């Protein structure tokens, strides 16, 4: 289960990252002469897709009961272990 502090941190990071990317997309689209209503509609689709993806991952983490992946940096390379296998 995700703790409150993890949820707040995830929400802040995602909101900040998507806000910056959205602003850059908006600037680029307006400089190329696209209609503002079309830009906002496209940005809304991006936000909804990201929200759905995050909801699915949070649901998977809740169903699994632990982390979805563990990363082992002690093997000389990044090694993903699906299912959150514990490291020793």
PDB file of N, CA and C in Angstrom:
ATOM      1  N   UNK A   1       0.845  -1.177   0.000  1.00  0.00           N
ATOM      2  CA  UNK A   1       0.000   0.000   0.000  1.00  0.00           C
ATOM      3  C   UNK A   1       0.890   1.239   0.000  1.00  0.00           C
ATOM      4  N   UNK A   2       0.489   2.221  -0.727  1.00  0.00           N
ATOM      5  CA  UNK A   2       1.241   3.466  -0.829  1.00  0.00           C
ATOM      6  C   UNK A   2       0.953   4.333   0.389  1.00  0.00           C
ATOM      7  N   UNK A   3       2.027   4.820   1.009  1.00  0.00           N
ATOM      8  CA  UNK A   3       1.848   5.693   2.164  1.00  0.00           C
ATOM      9  C   UNK A   3       1.429   7.086   1.692  1.00  0.00           C
ATOM     10  N   UNK A   4       0.967   7.876   2.638  1.00  0.00           N
ATOM     11  CA  UNK A   4       0.514   9.222   2.309  1.00  0.00           C
ATOM     12  C   UNK A   4       1.662  10.079   1.780  1.00  0.00           C
ATOM     13  N   UNK A   5       2.825   9.972   2.409  1.00  0.00           N
ATOM     14  CA  UNK A   5       3.953  10.782   1.950  1.00  0.00           C
ATOM     15  C   UNK A   5       4.405  10.350   0.550  1.00  0.00           C
ATOM     16  N   UNK A   6       4.360   9.051   0.245  1.00  0.00           N
ATOM     17  CA  UNK A   6       4.693   8.590  -1.108  1.00  0.00           C
ATOM     18  C   UNK A   6       3.696   9.125  -2.126  1.00  0.00           C
ATOM     19  N   UNK A   7       2.425   9.096  -1.783  1.00  0.00           N
ATOM     20  CA  UNK A   7       1.384   9.579  -2.694  1.00  0.00           C
ATOM     21  C   UNK A   7       1.533  11.071  -2.953  1.00  0.00           C
ATOM     22  N   UNK A   8       1.823  11.835  -1.909  1.00  0.00           N
ATOM     23  CA  UNK A   8       2.004  13.279  -2.071  1.00  0.00           C
ATOM     24  C   UNK A   8       3.240  13.556  -2.928  1.00  0.00           C
ATOM     25  N   UNK A   9       4.329  12.855  -2.654  1.00  0.00           N
ATOM     26  CA  UNK A   9       5.552  13.035  -3.443  1.00  0.00           C
ATOM     27  C   UNK A   9       5.349  12.669  -4.900  1.00  0.00           C
ATOM     28  N   UNK A  10       4.683  11.547  -5.157  1.00  0.00           N
ATOM     29  CA  UNK A  10       4.402  11.130  -6.522  1.00  0.00           C
ATOM     30  C   UNK A  10       3.531  12.162  -7.230  1.00  0.00           C
ATOM     31  N   UNK A  11       2.515  12.640  -6.530  1.00  0.00           N
ATOM     32  CA  UNK A  11       1.624  13.634  -7.124  1.00  0.00           C
ATOM     33  C   UNK A  11       2.345  14.928  -7.464  1.00  0.00           C
ATOM     34  N   UNK A  12       3.187  15.389  -6.568  1.00  0.00           N
ATOM     35  CA  UNK A  12       3.938  16.621  -6.819  1.00  0.00           C
ATOM     36  C   UNK A  12       4.918  16.458  -7.979  1.00  0.00           C
ATOM     37  N   UNK A  13       5.629  15.341  -7.999  1.00  0.00           N
ATOM     38  CA  UNK A  13       6.596  15.112  -9.085  1.00  0.00           C
ATOM     39  C   UNK A  13       5.900  15.001 -10.435  1.00  0.00           C
ATOM     40  N   UNK A  14       4.827  14.239 -10.491  1.00  0.00           N
ATOM     41  CA  UNK A  14       4.117  14.082 -11.762  1.00  0.00           C
ATOM     42  C   UNK A  14       3.486  15.392 -12.225  1.00  0.00           C
ATOM     43  N   UNK A  15       2.893  16.119 -11.296  1.00  0.00           N
ATOM     44  CA  UNK A  15       2.266  17.383 -11.664  1.00  0.00           C
ATOM     45  C   UNK A  15       3.302  18.375 -12.172  1.00  0.00           C
ATOM     46  N   UNK A  16       4.412  18.475 -11.481  1.00  0.00           N
ATOM     47  CA  UNK A  16       5.467  19.388 -11.921  1.00  0.00           C
ATOM     48  C   UNK A  16       6.045  19.014 -13.277  1.00  0.00           C
ATOM     49  N   UNK A  17       6.321  17.724 -13.461  1.00  0.00           N
ATOM     50  CA  UNK A  17       6.907  17.273 -14.728  1.00  0.00           C
ATOM     51  C   UNK A  17       5.951  17.473 -15.894  1.00  0.00           C
ATOM     52  N   UNK A  18       4.706  17.104 -15.707  1.00  0.00           N
ATOM     53  CA  UNK A  18       3.736  17.253 -16.797  1.00  0.00           C
ATOM     54  C   UNK A  18       3.430  18.720 -17.053  1.00  0.00           C
ATOM     55  N   UNK A  19       3.456  19.546 -16.018  1.00  0.00           N
ATOM     56  CA  UNK A  19       3.226  20.975 -16.212  1.00  0.00           C
ATOM     57  C   UNK A  19       4.331  21.594 -17.064  1.00  0.00           C
ATOM     58  N   UNK A  20       5.569  21.232 -16.793  1.00  0.00           N
ATOM     59  CA  UNK A  20       6.681  21.772 -17.584  1.00  0.00           C
ATOM     60  C   UNK A  20       6.594  21.305 -19.031  1.00  0.00           C
ATOM     61  N   UNK A  21       6.345  20.010 -19.226  1.00  0.00           N
ATOM     62  CA  UNK A  21       6.229  19.480 -20.588  1.00  0.00           C
ATOM     63  C   UNK A  21       5.031  20.105 -21.309  1.00  0.00           C
ATOM     64  N   UNK A  22       3.918  20.274 -20.603  1.00  0.00           N
ATOM     65  CA  UNK A  22       2.737  20.893 -21.208  1.00  0.00           C
ATOM     66  C   UNK A  22       3.020  22.331 -21.632  1.00  0.00           C
ATOM     67  N   UNK A  23       3.732  23.062 -20.792  1.00  0.00           N
ATOM     68  CA  UNK A  23       4.076  24.444 -21.116  1.00  0.00           C
ATOM     69  C   UNK A  23       4.959  24.502 -22.364  1.00  0.00           C
ATOM     70  N   UNK A  24       5.941  23.602 -22.434  1.00  0.00           N
ATOM     71  CA  UNK A  24       6.816  23.575 -23.605  1.00  0.00           C
ATOM     72  C   UNK A  24       6.054  23.196 -24.875  1.00  0.00           C
ATOM     73  N   UNK A  25       5.139  22.240 -24.763  1.00  0.00           N
ATOM     74  CA  UNK A  25       4.311  21.863 -25.913  1.00  0.00           C
ATOM     75  C   UNK A  25       3.437  23.036 -26.335  1.00  0.00           C
ATOM     76  N   UNK A  26       2.853  23.734 -25.344  1.00  0.00           N
ATOM     77  CA  UNK A  26       2.004  24.885 -25.637  1.00  0.00           C
ATOM     78  C   UNK A  26       2.795  25.983 -26.360  1.00  0.00           C
ATOM     79  N   UNK A  27       3.993  26.281 -25.856  1.00  0.00           N
ATOM     80  CA  UNK A  27       4.821  27.309 -26.504  1.00  0.00           C
ATOM     81  C   UNK A  27       5.167  26.931 -27.939  1.00  0.00           C
ATOM     82  N   UNK A  28       5.570  25.691 -28.150  1.00  0.00           N
ATOM     83  CA  UNK A  28       5.946  25.232 -29.489  1.00  0.00           C
ATOM     84  C   UNK A  28       4.735  25.265 -30.424  1.00  0.00           C
ATOM     85  N   UNK A  29       3.587  24.811 -29.954  1.00  0.00           N
ATOM     86  CA  UNK A  29       2.385  24.764 -30.798  1.00  0.00           C
ATOM     87  C   UNK A  29       1.888  26.162 -31.151  1.00  0.00           C
ATOM     88  N   UNK A  30       1.922  27.084 -30.185  1.00  0.00           N
ATOM     89  CA  UNK A  30       1.486  28.451 -30.493  1.00  0.00           C
ATOM     90  C   UNK A  30       2.454  29.141 -31.440  1.00  0.00           C
ATOM     91  N   UNK A  31       3.746  28.842 -31.305  1.00  0.00           N
ATOM     92  CA  UNK A  31       4.713  29.467 -32.210  1.00  0.00           C
ATOM     93  C   UNK A  31       4.564  28.944 -33.639  1.00  0.00           C
ATOM     94  N   UNK A  32       4.011  27.745 -33.783  1.00  0.00           N
ATOM     95  CA  UNK A  32       3.778  27.188 -35.112  1.00  0.00           C
ATOM     96  C   UNK A  32       2.398  27.535 -35.651  1.00  0.00           C
ATOM     97  N   UNK A  33       1.612  28.294 -34.889  1.00  0.00           N
ATOM     98  CA  UNK A  33       0.342  28.806 -35.377  1.00  0.00           C
ATOM     99  C   UNK A  33      -0.861  27.890 -35.189  1.00  0.00           C
ATOM    100  N   UNK A  34      -0.780  26.909 -34.299  1.00  0.00           N
ATOM    101  CA  UNK A  34      -1.925  26.031 -34.055  1.00  0.00           C
ATOM    102  C   UNK A  34      -2.999  26.761 -33.258  1.00  0.00           C
ATOM    103  N   UNK A  35      -4.236  26.356 -33.440  1.00  0.00           N
ATOM    104  CA  UNK A  35      -5.370  26.957 -32.737  1.00  0.00           C
ATOM    105  C   UNK A  35      -5.287  26.581 -31.256  1.00  0.00           C
ATOM    106  N   UNK A  36      -5.547  27.562 -30.388  1.00  0.00           N
ATOM    107  CA  UNK A  36      -5.397  27.353 -28.946  1.00  0.00           C
ATOM    108  C   UNK A  36      -6.347  26.279 -28.431  1.00  0.00           C
ATOM    109  N   UNK A  37      -7.576  26.220 -28.951  1.00  0.00           N
ATOM    110  CA  UNK A  37      -8.519  25.197 -28.469  1.00  0.00           C
ATOM    111  C   UNK A  37      -8.037  23.787 -28.804  1.00  0.00           C
ATOM    112  N   UNK A  38      -7.393  23.623 -29.941  1.00  0.00           N
ATOM    113  CA  UNK A  38      -6.856  22.313 -30.319  1.00  0.00           C
ATOM    114  C   UNK A  38      -5.673  21.955 -29.421  1.00  0.00           C
ATOM    115  N   UNK A  39      -4.870  22.938 -29.079  1.00  0.00           N
ATOM    116  CA  UNK A  39      -3.731  22.706 -28.185  1.00  0.00           C
ATOM    117  C   UNK A  39      -4.229  22.236 -26.825  1.00  0.00           C
ATOM    118  N   UNK A  40      -5.223  22.926 -26.270  1.00  0.00           N
ATOM    119  CA  UNK A  40      -5.744  22.561 -24.950  1.00  0.00           C
ATOM    120  C   UNK A  40      -6.373  21.177 -24.968  1.00  0.00           C
ATOM    121  N   UNK A  41      -7.048  20.843 -26.061  1.00  0.00           N
ATOM    122  CA  UNK A  41      -7.651  19.515 -26.179  1.00  0.00           C
ATOM    123  C   UNK A  41      -6.556  18.441 -26.199  1.00  0.00           C
ATOM    124  N   UNK A  42      -5.488  18.692 -26.934  1.00  0.00           N
ATOM    125  CA  UNK A  42      -4.370  17.749 -26.977  1.00  0.00           C
ATOM    126  C   UNK A  42      -3.690  17.594 -25.625  1.00  0.00           C
ATOM    127  N   UNK A  43      -3.512  18.710 -24.924  1.00  0.00           N
ATOM    128  CA  UNK A  43      -2.912  18.641 -23.594  1.00  0.00           C
ATOM    129  C   UNK A  43      -3.808  17.889 -22.615  1.00  0.00           C
ATOM    130  N   UNK A  44      -5.120  18.060 -22.735  1.00  0.00           N
ATOM    131  CA  UNK A  44      -6.057  17.333 -21.873  1.00  0.00           C
ATOM    132  C   UNK A  44      -5.945  15.825 -22.109  1.00  0.00           C
ATOM    133  N   UNK A  45      -5.790  15.427 -23.363  1.00  0.00           N
ATOM    134  CA  UNK A  45      -5.625  14.003 -23.674  1.00  0.00           C
ATOM    135  C   UNK A  45      -4.336  13.468 -23.055  1.00  0.00           C
ATOM    136  N   UNK A  46      -3.267  14.239 -23.129  1.00  0.00           N
ATOM    137  CA  UNK A  46      -1.994  13.819 -22.530  1.00  0.00           C
ATOM    138  C   UNK A  46      -2.157  13.643 -21.023  1.00  0.00           C
ATOM    139  N   UNK A  47      -2.783  14.603 -20.342  1.00  0.00           N
ATOM    140  CA  UNK A  47      -2.991  14.517 -18.894  1.00  0.00           C
ATOM    141  C   UNK A  47      -3.856  13.313 -18.539  1.00  0.00           C
ATOM    142  N   UNK A  48      -4.918  13.057 -19.305  1.00  0.00           N
ATOM    143  CA  UNK A  48      -5.794  11.918 -19.005  1.00  0.00           C
ATOM    144  C   UNK A  48      -5.078  10.587 -19.205  1.00  0.00           C
ATOM    145  N   UNK A  49      -4.286  10.473 -20.254  1.00  0.00           N
ATOM    146  CA  UNK A  49      -3.534   9.234 -20.493  1.00  0.00           C
ATOM    147  C   UNK A  49      -2.515   8.994 -19.388  1.00  0.00           C
ATOM    148  N   UNK A  50      -1.821  10.036 -18.979  1.00  0.00           N
ATOM    149  CA  UNK A  50      -0.849   9.897 -17.899  1.00  0.00           C
ATOM    150  C   UNK A  50      -1.547   9.514 -16.591  1.00  0.00           C
ATOM    151  N   UNK A  51      -2.668  10.142 -16.315  1.00  0.00           N
ATOM    152  CA  UNK A  51      -3.426   9.809 -15.103  1.00  0.00           C
ATOM    153  C   UNK A  51      -3.903   8.368 -15.094  1.00  0.00           C
ATOM    154  N   UNK A  52      -4.373   7.891 -16.249  1.00  0.00           N
ATOM    155  CA  UNK A  52      -4.817   6.499 -16.352  1.00  0.00           C
ATOM    156  C   UNK A  52      -3.652   5.537 -16.157  1.00  0.00           C
ATOM    157  N   UNK A  53      -2.498   5.859 -16.733  1.00  0.00           N
ATOM    158  CA  UNK A  53      -1.325   4.991 -16.579  1.00  0.00           C
ATOM    159  C   UNK A  53      -0.876   4.928 -15.126  1.00  0.00           C
ATOM    160  N   UNK A  54      -0.864   6.056 -14.447  1.00  0.00           N
ATOM    161  CA  UNK A  54      -0.474   6.087 -13.041  1.00  0.00           C
ATOM    162  C   UNK A  54      -1.478   5.304 -12.204  1.00  0.00           C
ATOM    163  N   UNK A  55      -2.765   5.440 -12.501  1.00  0.00           N
ATOM    164  CA  UNK A  55      -3.793   4.699 -11.759  1.00  0.00           C
ATOM    165  C   UNK A  55      -3.617   3.192 -11.933  1.00  0.00           C
ATOM    166  N   UNK A  56      -3.303   2.757 -13.148  1.00  0.00           N
ATOM    167  CA  UNK A  56      -3.082   1.324 -13.389  1.00  0.00           C
ATOM    168  C   UNK A  56      -1.864   0.831 -12.604  1.00  0.00           C
ATOM    169  N   UNK A  57      -0.775   1.598 -12.614  1.00  0.00           N
ATOM    170  CA  UNK A  57       0.424   1.181 -11.881  1.00  0.00           C
ATOM    171  C   UNK A  57       0.201   1.168 -10.368  1.00  0.00           C
ATOM    172  N   UNK A  58      -0.535   2.139  -9.859  1.00  0.00           N
ATOM    173  CA  UNK A  58      -0.845   2.149  -8.426  1.00  0.00           C
ATOM    174  C   UNK A  58      -1.736   0.963  -8.084  1.00  0.00           C
ATOM    175  N   UNK A  59      -2.702   0.657  -8.952  1.00  0.00           N
ATOM    176  CA  UNK A  59      -3.557  -0.512  -8.734  1.00  0.00           C
ATOM    177  C   UNK A  59      -2.764  -1.802  -8.764  1.00  0.00           C
ATOM    178  N   UNK A  60      -1.806  -1.915  -9.680  1.00  0.00           N
ATOM    179  CA  UNK A  60      -0.971  -3.115  -9.744  1.00  0.00           C
ATOM    180  C   UNK A  60      -0.108  -3.245  -8.497  1.00  0.00           C
ATOM    181  N   UNK A  61       0.413  -2.119  -8.023  1.00  0.00           N
ATOM    182  CA  UNK A  61       1.228  -2.163  -6.812  1.00  0.00           C
ATOM    183  C   UNK A  61       0.388  -2.576  -5.612  1.00  0.00           C
ATOM    184  N   UNK A  62      -0.830  -2.080  -5.535  1.00  0.00           N
ATOM    185  CA  UNK A  62      -1.719  -2.442  -4.442  1.00  0.00           C
ATOM    186  C   UNK A  62      -2.088  -3.923  -4.510  1.00  0.00           C
ATOM    187  N   UNK A  63      -2.374  -4.418  -5.717  1.00  0.00           N
ATOM    188  CA  UNK A  63      -2.729  -5.831  -5.885  1.00  0.00           C
ATOM    189  C   UNK A  63      -1.552  -6.732  -5.540  1.00  0.00           C
ATOM    190  N   UNK A  64      -0.343  -6.327  -5.882  1.00  0.00           N
ATOM    191  CA  UNK A  64       0.847  -7.119  -5.603  1.00  0.00           C
ATOM    192  C   UNK A  64       1.222  -7.039  -4.127  1.00  0.00           C
ATOM    193  N   UNK A  65       0.950  -5.894  -3.517  1.00  0.00           N
ATOM    194  CA  UNK A  65       1.242  -5.723  -2.105  1.00  0.00           C
ATOM    195  C   UNK A  65       2.647  -5.236  -1.812  1.00  0.00           C
ATOM    196  N   UNK A  66       3.436  -5.012  -2.858  1.00  0.00           N
ATOM    197  CA  UNK A  66       4.808  -4.554  -2.664  1.00  0.00           C
ATOM    198  C   UNK A  66       5.245  -3.851  -3.942  1.00  0.00           C
ATOM    199  N   UNK A  67       6.498  -3.539  -4.037  1.00  0.00           N
ATOM    200  CA  UNK A  67       7.018  -2.854  -5.220  1.00  0.00           C
ATOM    201  C   UNK A  67       6.865  -3.733  -6.453  1.00  0.00           C
ATOM    202  N   UNK A  68       6.691  -3.095  -7.604  1.00  0.00           N
ATOM    203  CA  UNK A  68       6.572  -3.839  -8.853  1.00  0.00           C
ATOM    204  C   UNK A  68       7.927  -4.331  -9.340  1.00  0.00           C
ATOM    205  N   UNK A  69       8.987  -3.570  -9.064  1.00  0.00           N
ATOM    206  CA  UNK A  69      10.338  -3.916  -9.497  1.00  0.00           C
ATOM    207  C   UNK A  69      11.319  -3.599  -8.382  1.00  0.00           C
ATOM    208  N   UNK A  70      12.375  -4.364  -8.317  1.00  0.00           N
ATOM    209  CA  UNK A  70      13.531  -4.039  -7.493  1.00  0.00           C
ATOM    210  C   UNK A  70      14.704  -3.836  -8.433  1.00  0.00           C
ATOM    211  N   UNK A  71      15.578  -2.942  -8.084  1.00  0.00           N
ATOM    212  CA  UNK A  71      16.753  -2.680  -8.904  1.00  0.00           C
ATOM    213  C   UNK A  71      17.980  -3.078  -8.102  1.00  0.00           C
ATOM    214  N   UNK A  72      18.810  -3.913  -8.676  1.00  0.00           N
ATOM    215  CA  UNK A  72      20.048  -4.309  -8.028  1.00  0.00           C
ATOM    216  C   UNK A  72      21.216  -3.637  -8.740  1.00  0.00           C
ATOM    217  N   UNK A  73      21.895  -2.745  -8.054  1.00  0.00           N
ATOM    218  CA  UNK A  73      23.032  -2.043  -8.645  1.00  0.00           C
ATOM    219  C   UNK A  73      24.350  -2.724  -8.318  1.00  0.00           C
ATOM    220  N   UNK A  74      24.329  -3.785  -7.519  1.00  0.00           N
ATOM    221  CA  UNK A  74      25.549  -4.450  -7.108  1.00  0.00           C
ATOM    222  C   UNK A  74      26.070  -5.478  -8.091  1.00  0.00           C
ATOM    223  N   UNK A  75      25.422  -5.663  -9.219  1.00  0.00           N
ATOM    224  CA  UNK A  75      25.835  -6.667 -10.189  1.00  0.00           C
ATOM    225  C   UNK A  75      26.600  -6.063 -11.356  1.00  0.00           C
ATOM    226  N   UNK A  76      27.016  -4.823 -11.253  1.00  0.00           N
ATOM    227  CA  UNK A  76      27.761  -4.183 -12.317  1.00  0.00           C
ATOM    228  C   UNK A  76      26.889  -3.614 -13.415  1.00  0.00           C
ATOM    229  N   UNK A  77      25.593  -3.799 -13.324  1.00  0.00           N
ATOM    230  CA  UNK A  77      24.651  -3.237 -14.291  1.00  0.00           C
ATOM    231  C   UNK A  77      23.293  -3.086 -13.606  1.00  0.00           C
ATOM    232  N   UNK A  78      22.421  -2.335 -14.215  1.00  0.00           N
ATOM    233  CA  UNK A  78      21.074  -2.193 -13.675  1.00  0.00           C
ATOM    234  C   UNK A  78      20.318  -3.473 -14.007  1.00  0.00           C
ATOM    235  N   UNK A  79      19.729  -4.081 -12.992  1.00  0.00           N
ATOM    236  CA  UNK A  79      19.072  -5.364 -13.162  1.00  0.00           C
ATOM    237  C   UNK A  79      17.678  -5.274 -12.561  1.00  0.00           C
ATOM    238  N   UNK A  80      16.669  -5.399 -13.380  1.00  0.00           N
ATOM    239  CA  UNK A  80      15.279  -5.313 -12.927  1.00  0.00           C
ATOM    240  C   UNK A  80      14.790  -6.699 -12.546  1.00  0.00           C
ATOM    241  N   UNK A  81      14.196  -6.806 -11.400  1.00  0.00           N
ATOM    242  CA  UNK A  81      13.619  -8.065 -10.940  1.00  0.00           C
ATOM    243  C   UNK A  81      12.114  -7.902 -10.833  1.00  0.00           C
ATOM    244  N   UNK A  82      11.344  -8.349 -11.830  1.00  0.00           N
ATOM    245  CA  UNK A  82       9.880  -8.206 -11.765  1.00  0.00           C
ATOM    246  C   UNK A  82       9.328  -8.899 -10.536  1.00  0.00           C
ATOM    247  N   UNK A  83       8.300  -8.308  -9.979  1.00  0.00           N
ATOM    248  CA  UNK A  83       7.666  -8.882  -8.802  1.00  0.00           C
ATOM    249  C   UNK A  83       8.242  -8.415  -7.501  1.00  0.00           C
ATOM    250  N   UNK A  84       9.211  -7.526  -7.544  1.00  0.00           N
ATOM    251  CA  UNK A  84       9.743  -6.949  -6.324  1.00  0.00           C
ATOM    252  C   UNK A  84      10.491  -7.951  -5.462  1.00  0.00           C
ATOM    253  N   UNK A  85      11.271  -8.839  -6.055  1.00  0.00           N
ATOM    254  CA  UNK A  85      12.049  -9.809  -5.279  1.00  0.00           C
ATOM    255  C   UNK A  85      12.999  -9.083  -4.341  1.00  0.00           C
ATOM    256  N   UNK A  86      13.117  -9.569  -3.157  1.00  0.00           N
ATOM    257  CA  UNK A  86      13.951  -8.909  -2.151  1.00  0.00           C
ATOM    258  C   UNK A  86      15.423  -9.134  -2.424  1.00  0.00           C
ATOM    259  N   UNK A  87      16.204  -8.092  -2.173  1.00  0.00           N
ATOM    260  CA  UNK A  87      17.651  -8.198  -2.350  1.00  0.00           C
ATOM    261  C   UNK A  87      18.309  -8.532  -1.016  1.00  0.00           C
ATOM    262  N   UNK A  88      19.424  -9.212  -1.092  1.00  0.00           N
ATOM    263  CA  UNK A  88      20.163  -9.554   0.118  1.00  0.00           C
ATOM    264  C   UNK A  88      21.397  -8.678   0.204  1.00  0.00           C
TER     265      UNK A  88
END
